Amino acid sequence: MEIVSSAKKSVARDERGMSLIELMIALVVLVVGVAGSMSLIGLSMGGNGRSKQQSNSTAIAQMMVEKISSVKASISPTLTITDCAGNSVTIATAAGGSALTSAGVVDFTQSAVNNYQMLYTDCATGGMQFTYDARWNITQPTPYTKLVTVSVQKQNAGNNPKFFSLPVTIRTLVGQGT
């Protein structure tokens, strides 16, 4: 009878639960997992912001390319673009404009050229406004064609990964048209 009772005590000691060390190890694993998840959430929020800025930059660049392309290549009138805040800017369609890098994109480190740069305000929901620096360069290889390069980037984005995004550049060739 004593043999059975000592076997029951041995089994009871093995089933008491987790020791303090096992509990601390489990807690450390849980904390590391939660911290990793939180950093991923922060990174995804920054990526979402960059994607939104690049989408807005692309839409603004496309709108400017279409506006400049709306006139024949053989004429060079000045046009007006108005942003959502009511700011009207006169833009030039003659050959000239912002300096280009060796890659063929607008060099934002150079000074802006008058009538070849616009600070475009984009209005968002909730009364939020974002300003984008839009610059363009027009070359005219022949009297009947123009190469238009438009680059847009968010103004004052800095190097903060939540706000920084590369400039978006769109190039198009404008012909004589109708």
C-alpha atoms as a PDB file:
ATOM      1  CA  MET A   1       0.000   0.000   0.000  1.00  0.00           C
ATOM      2  CA  GLU A   2       2.856   2.332   0.722  1.00  0.00           C
ATOM      3  CA  ILE A   3       4.265   1.743  -2.743  1.00  0.00           C
ATOM      4  CA  VAL A   4       1.090   3.058  -4.365  1.00  0.00           C
ATOM      5  CA  SER A   5       0.992   6.126  -2.113  1.00  0.00           C
ATOM      6  CA  SER A   6       4.627   7.098  -2.914  1.00  0.00           C
ATOM      7  CA  ALA A   7       3.945   6.685  -6.651  1.00  0.00           C
ATOM      8  CA  LYS A   8       0.953   9.019  -6.359  1.00  0.00           C
ATOM      9  CA  LYS A   9       3.121  11.618  -4.566  1.00  0.00           C
ATOM     10  CA  SER A  10       5.749  11.389  -7.323  1.00  0.00           C
ATOM     11  CA  VAL A  11       3.135  11.899 -10.014  1.00  0.00           C
ATOM     12  CA  ALA A  12       1.617  14.823  -8.079  1.00  0.00           C
ATOM     13  CA  ARG A  13       4.988  16.595  -7.872  1.00  0.00           C
ATOM     14  CA  ASP A  14       5.489  16.285 -11.653  1.00  0.00           C
ATOM     15  CA  GLU A  15       2.108  17.872 -12.411  1.00  0.00           C
ATOM     16  CA  ARG A  16       2.296  20.975 -10.234  1.00  0.00           C
ATOM     17  CA  GLY A  17       2.625  23.431 -13.165  1.00  0.00           C
ATOM     18  CA  MET A  18       5.306  25.725 -14.499  1.00  0.00           C
ATOM     19  CA  SER A  19       8.300  26.761 -12.484  1.00  0.00           C
ATOM     20  CA  LEU A  20       9.234  30.432 -12.120  1.00  0.00           C
ATOM     21  CA  ILE A  21      12.076  30.070 -14.643  1.00  0.00           C
ATOM     22  CA  GLU A  22       9.778  28.533 -17.256  1.00  0.00           C
ATOM     23  CA  LEU A  23       7.290  31.362 -16.693  1.00  0.00           C
ATOM     24  CA  MET A  24      10.006  34.011 -17.139  1.00  0.00           C
ATOM     25  CA  ILE A  25      11.219  32.384 -20.372  1.00  0.00           C
ATOM     26  CA  ALA A  26       7.667  32.328 -21.732  1.00  0.00           C
ATOM     27  CA  LEU A  27       7.229  35.986 -20.791  1.00  0.00           C
ATOM     28  CA  VAL A  28      10.474  36.972 -22.603  1.00  0.00           C
ATOM     29  CA  VAL A  29       9.340  35.119 -25.747  1.00  0.00           C
ATOM     30  CA  LEU A  30       5.981  36.920 -25.582  1.00  0.00           C
ATOM     31  CA  VAL A  31       7.594  40.355 -25.137  1.00  0.00           C
ATOM     32  CA  VAL A  32       9.965  39.783 -28.088  1.00  0.00           C
ATOM     33  CA  GLY A  33       7.021  38.748 -30.270  1.00  0.00           C
ATOM     34  CA  VAL A  34       4.925  41.772 -29.322  1.00  0.00           C
ATOM     35  CA  ALA A  35       7.853  44.178 -29.842  1.00  0.00           C
ATOM     36  CA  GLY A  36       8.510  42.693 -33.284  1.00  0.00           C
ATOM     37  CA  SER A  37       4.866  43.073 -34.221  1.00  0.00           C
ATOM     38  CA  MET A  38       4.830  46.710 -33.110  1.00  0.00           C
ATOM     39  CA  SER A  39       7.865  47.565 -35.234  1.00  0.00           C
ATOM     40  CA  LEU A  40       6.215  45.950 -38.260  1.00  0.00           C
ATOM     41  CA  ILE A  41       3.121  48.083 -37.712  1.00  0.00           C
ATOM     42  CA  GLY A  42       5.265  51.230 -37.647  1.00  0.00           C
ATOM     43  CA  LEU A  43       7.071  50.232 -40.834  1.00  0.00           C
ATOM     44  CA  SER A  44       3.823  49.464 -42.629  1.00  0.00           C
ATOM     45  CA  MET A  45       2.369  52.840 -41.636  1.00  0.00           C
ATOM     46  CA  GLY A  46       5.446  54.579 -43.072  1.00  0.00           C
ATOM     47  CA  GLY A  47       5.165  52.542 -46.273  1.00  0.00           C
ATOM     48  CA  ASN A  48       1.518  53.478 -46.576  1.00  0.00           C
ATOM     49  CA  GLY A  49       2.384  57.175 -46.239  1.00  0.00           C
ATOM     50  CA  ARG A  50       5.117  56.921 -48.884  1.00  0.00           C
ATOM     51  CA  SER A  51       2.744  55.164 -51.273  1.00  0.00           C
ATOM     52  CA  LYS A  52       0.123  57.864 -50.762  1.00  0.00           C
ATOM     53  CA  GLN A  53       2.676  60.616 -51.443  1.00  0.00           C
ATOM     54  CA  GLN A  54       3.952  58.907 -54.570  1.00  0.00           C
ATOM     55  CA  SER A  55       0.393  58.417 -55.834  1.00  0.00           C
ATOM     56  CA  ASN A  56      -0.328  62.110 -55.281  1.00  0.00           C
ATOM     57  CA  SER A  57       2.979  63.081 -56.917  1.00  0.00           C
ATOM     58  CA  THR A  58       2.152  60.895 -59.911  1.00  0.00           C
ATOM     59  CA  ALA A  59      -1.324  62.424 -60.287  1.00  0.00           C
ATOM     60  CA  ILE A  60       0.082  65.973 -60.118  1.00  0.00           C
ATOM     61  CA  ALA A  61       2.869  65.179 -62.612  1.00  0.00           C
ATOM     62  CA  GLN A  62       0.368  63.569 -64.993  1.00  0.00           C
ATOM     63  CA  MET A  63      -1.955  66.585 -64.745  1.00  0.00           C
ATOM     64  CA  MET A  64       0.926  68.967 -65.518  1.00  0.00           C
ATOM     65  CA  VAL A  65       2.162  66.867 -68.450  1.00  0.00           C
ATOM     66  CA  GLU A  66      -1.365  66.809 -69.896  1.00  0.00           C
ATOM     67  CA  LYS A  67      -1.715  70.588 -69.450  1.00  0.00           C
ATOM     68  CA  ILE A  68       1.611  71.308 -71.187  1.00  0.00           C
ATOM     69  CA  SER A  69       0.860  68.709 -73.889  1.00  0.00           C
ATOM     70  CA  SER A  70      -2.490  70.350 -74.652  1.00  0.00           C
ATOM     71  CA  VAL A  71      -0.783  72.918 -76.890  1.00  0.00           C
ATOM     72  CA  LYS A  72       0.980  72.290 -80.183  1.00  0.00           C
ATOM     73  CA  ALA A  73       4.744  71.919 -80.076  1.00  0.00           C
ATOM     74  CA  SER A  74       5.195  74.758 -82.589  1.00  0.00           C
ATOM     75  CA  ILE A  75       3.680  77.351 -80.219  1.00  0.00           C
ATOM     76  CA  SER A  76       4.651  78.201 -76.643  1.00  0.00           C
ATOM     77  CA  PRO A  77       1.919  80.081 -74.807  1.00  0.00           C
ATOM     78  CA  THR A  78       1.846  80.525 -71.054  1.00  0.00           C
ATOM     79  CA  LEU A  79      -0.829  78.513 -69.268  1.00  0.00           C
ATOM     80  CA  THR A  80      -2.404  78.749 -65.828  1.00  0.00           C
ATOM     81  CA  ILE A  81      -2.814  75.939 -63.308  1.00  0.00           C
ATOM     82  CA  THR A  82      -4.919  76.382 -60.164  1.00  0.00           C
ATOM     83  CA  ASP A  83      -4.599  74.031 -57.193  1.00  0.00           C
ATOM     84  CA  CYS A  84      -7.308  73.122 -54.684  1.00  0.00           C
ATOM     85  CA  ALA A  85      -6.322  75.993 -52.374  1.00  0.00           C
ATOM     86  CA  GLY A  86      -7.057  78.501 -55.153  1.00  0.00           C
ATOM     87  CA  ASN A  87      -3.407  79.319 -55.917  1.00  0.00           C
ATOM     88  CA  SER A  88      -3.015  80.131 -59.628  1.00  0.00           C
ATOM     89  CA  VAL A  89       0.406  79.804 -61.217  1.00  0.00           C
ATOM     90  CA  THR A  90       1.476  80.800 -64.705  1.00  0.00           C
ATOM     91  CA  ILE A  91       3.496  78.073 -66.348  1.00  0.00           C
ATOM     92  CA  ALA A  92       5.766  78.373 -69.361  1.00  0.00           C
ATOM     93  CA  THR A  93       5.586  75.950 -72.273  1.00  0.00           C
ATOM     94  CA  ALA A  94       8.652  77.233 -74.161  1.00  0.00           C
ATOM     95  CA  ALA A  95      11.956  75.369 -74.202  1.00  0.00           C
ATOM     96  CA  GLY A  96      13.857  75.796 -70.938  1.00  0.00           C
ATOM     97  CA  GLY A  97      13.225  75.106 -67.310  1.00  0.00           C
ATOM     98  CA  SER A  98      14.700  73.286 -64.368  1.00  0.00           C
ATOM     99  CA  ALA A  99      18.116  71.643 -64.546  1.00  0.00           C
ATOM    100  CA  LEU A 100      18.158  67.892 -65.173  1.00  0.00           C
ATOM    101  CA  THR A 101      20.442  65.299 -63.606  1.00  0.00           C
ATOM    102  CA  SER A 102      22.504  62.886 -65.690  1.00  0.00           C
ATOM    103  CA  ALA A 103      19.617  60.406 -65.268  1.00  0.00           C
ATOM    104  CA  GLY A 104      17.251  62.837 -67.006  1.00  0.00           C
ATOM    105  CA  VAL A 105      15.156  63.787 -63.972  1.00  0.00           C
ATOM    106  CA  VAL A 106      14.721  67.259 -62.477  1.00  0.00           C
ATOM    107  CA  ASP A 107      17.514  68.189 -60.066  1.00  0.00           C
ATOM    108  CA  PHE A 108      15.767  69.428 -56.905  1.00  0.00           C
ATOM    109  CA  THR A 109      19.098  70.528 -55.400  1.00  0.00           C
ATOM    110  CA  GLN A 110      19.262  73.385 -57.947  1.00  0.00           C
ATOM    111  CA  SER A 111      17.315  76.619 -57.635  1.00  0.00           C
ATOM    112  CA  ALA A 112      13.831  76.705 -59.102  1.00  0.00           C
ATOM    113  CA  VAL A 113      13.374  78.484 -62.422  1.00  0.00           C
ATOM    114  CA  ASN A 114      10.594  81.067 -62.604  1.00  0.00           C
ATOM    115  CA  ASN A 115       7.497  79.786 -64.499  1.00  0.00           C
ATOM    116  CA  TYR A 116       8.991  76.263 -64.577  1.00  0.00           C
ATOM    117  CA  GLN A 117       8.164  75.452 -60.940  1.00  0.00           C
ATOM    118  CA  MET A 118       4.971  75.321 -58.917  1.00  0.00           C
ATOM    119  CA  LEU A 119       4.216  74.650 -55.268  1.00  0.00           C
ATOM    120  CA  TYR A 120       1.025  72.654 -55.764  1.00  0.00           C
ATOM    121  CA  THR A 121      -1.292  72.326 -52.763  1.00  0.00           C
ATOM    122  CA  ASP A 122      -3.244  69.080 -52.569  1.00  0.00           C
ATOM    123  CA  CYS A 123      -6.315  69.152 -50.321  1.00  0.00           C
ATOM    124  CA  ALA A 124      -7.145  66.006 -48.378  1.00  0.00           C
ATOM    125  CA  THR A 125     -10.074  65.018 -46.218  1.00  0.00           C
ATOM    126  CA  GLY A 126     -10.494  66.657 -42.840  1.00  0.00           C
ATOM    127  CA  GLY A 127      -9.083  69.985 -44.068  1.00  0.00           C
ATOM    128  CA  MET A 128      -5.537  68.624 -44.383  1.00  0.00           C
ATOM    129  CA  GLN A 129      -3.323  70.125 -47.080  1.00  0.00           C
ATOM    130  CA  PHE A 130      -0.051  68.854 -48.500  1.00  0.00           C
ATOM    131  CA  THR A 131       2.301  70.894 -50.667  1.00  0.00           C
ATOM    132  CA  TYR A 132       4.213  69.337 -53.540  1.00  0.00           C
ATOM    133  CA  ASP A 133       7.139  70.883 -55.394  1.00  0.00           C
ATOM    134  CA  ALA A 134       6.518  70.428 -59.128  1.00  0.00           C
ATOM    135  CA  ARG A 135       9.238  71.347 -61.633  1.00  0.00           C
ATOM    136  CA  TRP A 136       9.593  70.741 -65.339  1.00  0.00           C
ATOM    137  CA  ASN A 137      11.999  71.013 -68.208  1.00  0.00           C
ATOM    138  CA  ILE A 138      11.111  71.396 -71.870  1.00  0.00           C
ATOM    139  CA  THR A 139      13.529  70.723 -74.692  1.00  0.00           C
ATOM    140  CA  GLN A 140      12.625  71.275 -78.322  1.00  0.00           C
ATOM    141  CA  PRO A 141      14.695  69.026 -80.607  1.00  0.00           C
ATOM    142  CA  THR A 142      12.758  70.182 -83.697  1.00  0.00           C
ATOM    143  CA  PRO A 143      10.296  73.025 -84.332  1.00  0.00           C
ATOM    144  CA  TYR A 144       7.487  70.443 -84.296  1.00  0.00           C
ATOM    145  CA  THR A 145       8.346  68.363 -81.216  1.00  0.00           C
ATOM    146  CA  LYS A 146       8.975  69.006 -77.539  1.00  0.00           C
ATOM    147  CA  LEU A 147      10.245  66.662 -74.843  1.00  0.00           C
ATOM    148  CA  VAL A 148       8.523  67.479 -71.553  1.00  0.00           C
ATOM    149  CA  THR A 149       9.983  66.193 -68.263  1.00  0.00           C
ATOM    150  CA  VAL A 150       7.944  66.831 -65.093  1.00  0.00           C
ATOM    151  CA  SER A 151       9.162  65.825 -61.619  1.00  0.00           C
ATOM    152  CA  VAL A 152       7.124  66.186 -58.425  1.00  0.00           C
ATOM    153  CA  GLN A 153       8.054  65.566 -54.792  1.00  0.00           C
ATOM    154  CA  LYS A 154       6.441  66.371 -51.478  1.00  0.00           C
ATOM    155  CA  GLN A 155       7.809  69.590 -50.059  1.00  0.00           C
ATOM    156  CA  ASN A 156       9.686  69.461 -46.719  1.00  0.00           C
ATOM    157  CA  ALA A 157       9.561  65.656 -46.519  1.00  0.00           C
ATOM    158  CA  GLY A 158      13.151  65.477 -45.209  1.00  0.00           C
ATOM    159  CA  ASN A 159      14.719  62.085 -44.519  1.00  0.00           C
ATOM    160  CA  ASN A 160      12.146  60.848 -42.009  1.00  0.00           C
ATOM    161  CA  PRO A 161      11.124  57.381 -43.260  1.00  0.00           C
ATOM    162  CA  LYS A 162       7.482  58.121 -42.431  1.00  0.00           C
ATOM    163  CA  PHE A 163       7.364  61.103 -44.804  1.00  0.00           C
ATOM    164  CA  PHE A 164      10.212  60.705 -47.284  1.00  0.00           C
ATOM    165  CA  SER A 165       9.522  59.500 -50.788  1.00  0.00           C
ATOM    166  CA  LEU A 166      11.510  59.852 -53.973  1.00  0.00           C
ATOM    167  CA  PRO A 167      10.400  62.315 -56.647  1.00  0.00           C
ATOM    168  CA  VAL A 168       8.123  61.006 -59.375  1.00  0.00           C
ATOM    169  CA  THR A 169       9.132  61.870 -62.957  1.00  0.00           C
ATOM    170  CA  ILE A 170       7.014  61.639 -66.111  1.00  0.00           C
ATOM    171  CA  ARG A 171       8.370  62.294 -69.600  1.00  0.00           C
ATOM    172  CA  THR A 172       6.389  62.734 -72.776  1.00  0.00           C
ATOM    173  CA  LEU A 173       6.973  63.804 -76.336  1.00  0.00           C
ATOM    174  CA  VAL A 174       4.631  66.505 -77.647  1.00  0.00           C
ATOM    175  CA  GLY A 175       4.039  66.730 -81.381  1.00  0.00           C
ATOM    176  CA  GLN A 176       2.374  69.153 -83.732  1.00  0.00           C
ATOM    177  CA  GLY A 177      -1.132  68.039 -82.794  1.00  0.00           C
ATOM    178  CA  THR A 178      -4.259  69.357 -84.401  1.00  0.00           C
END
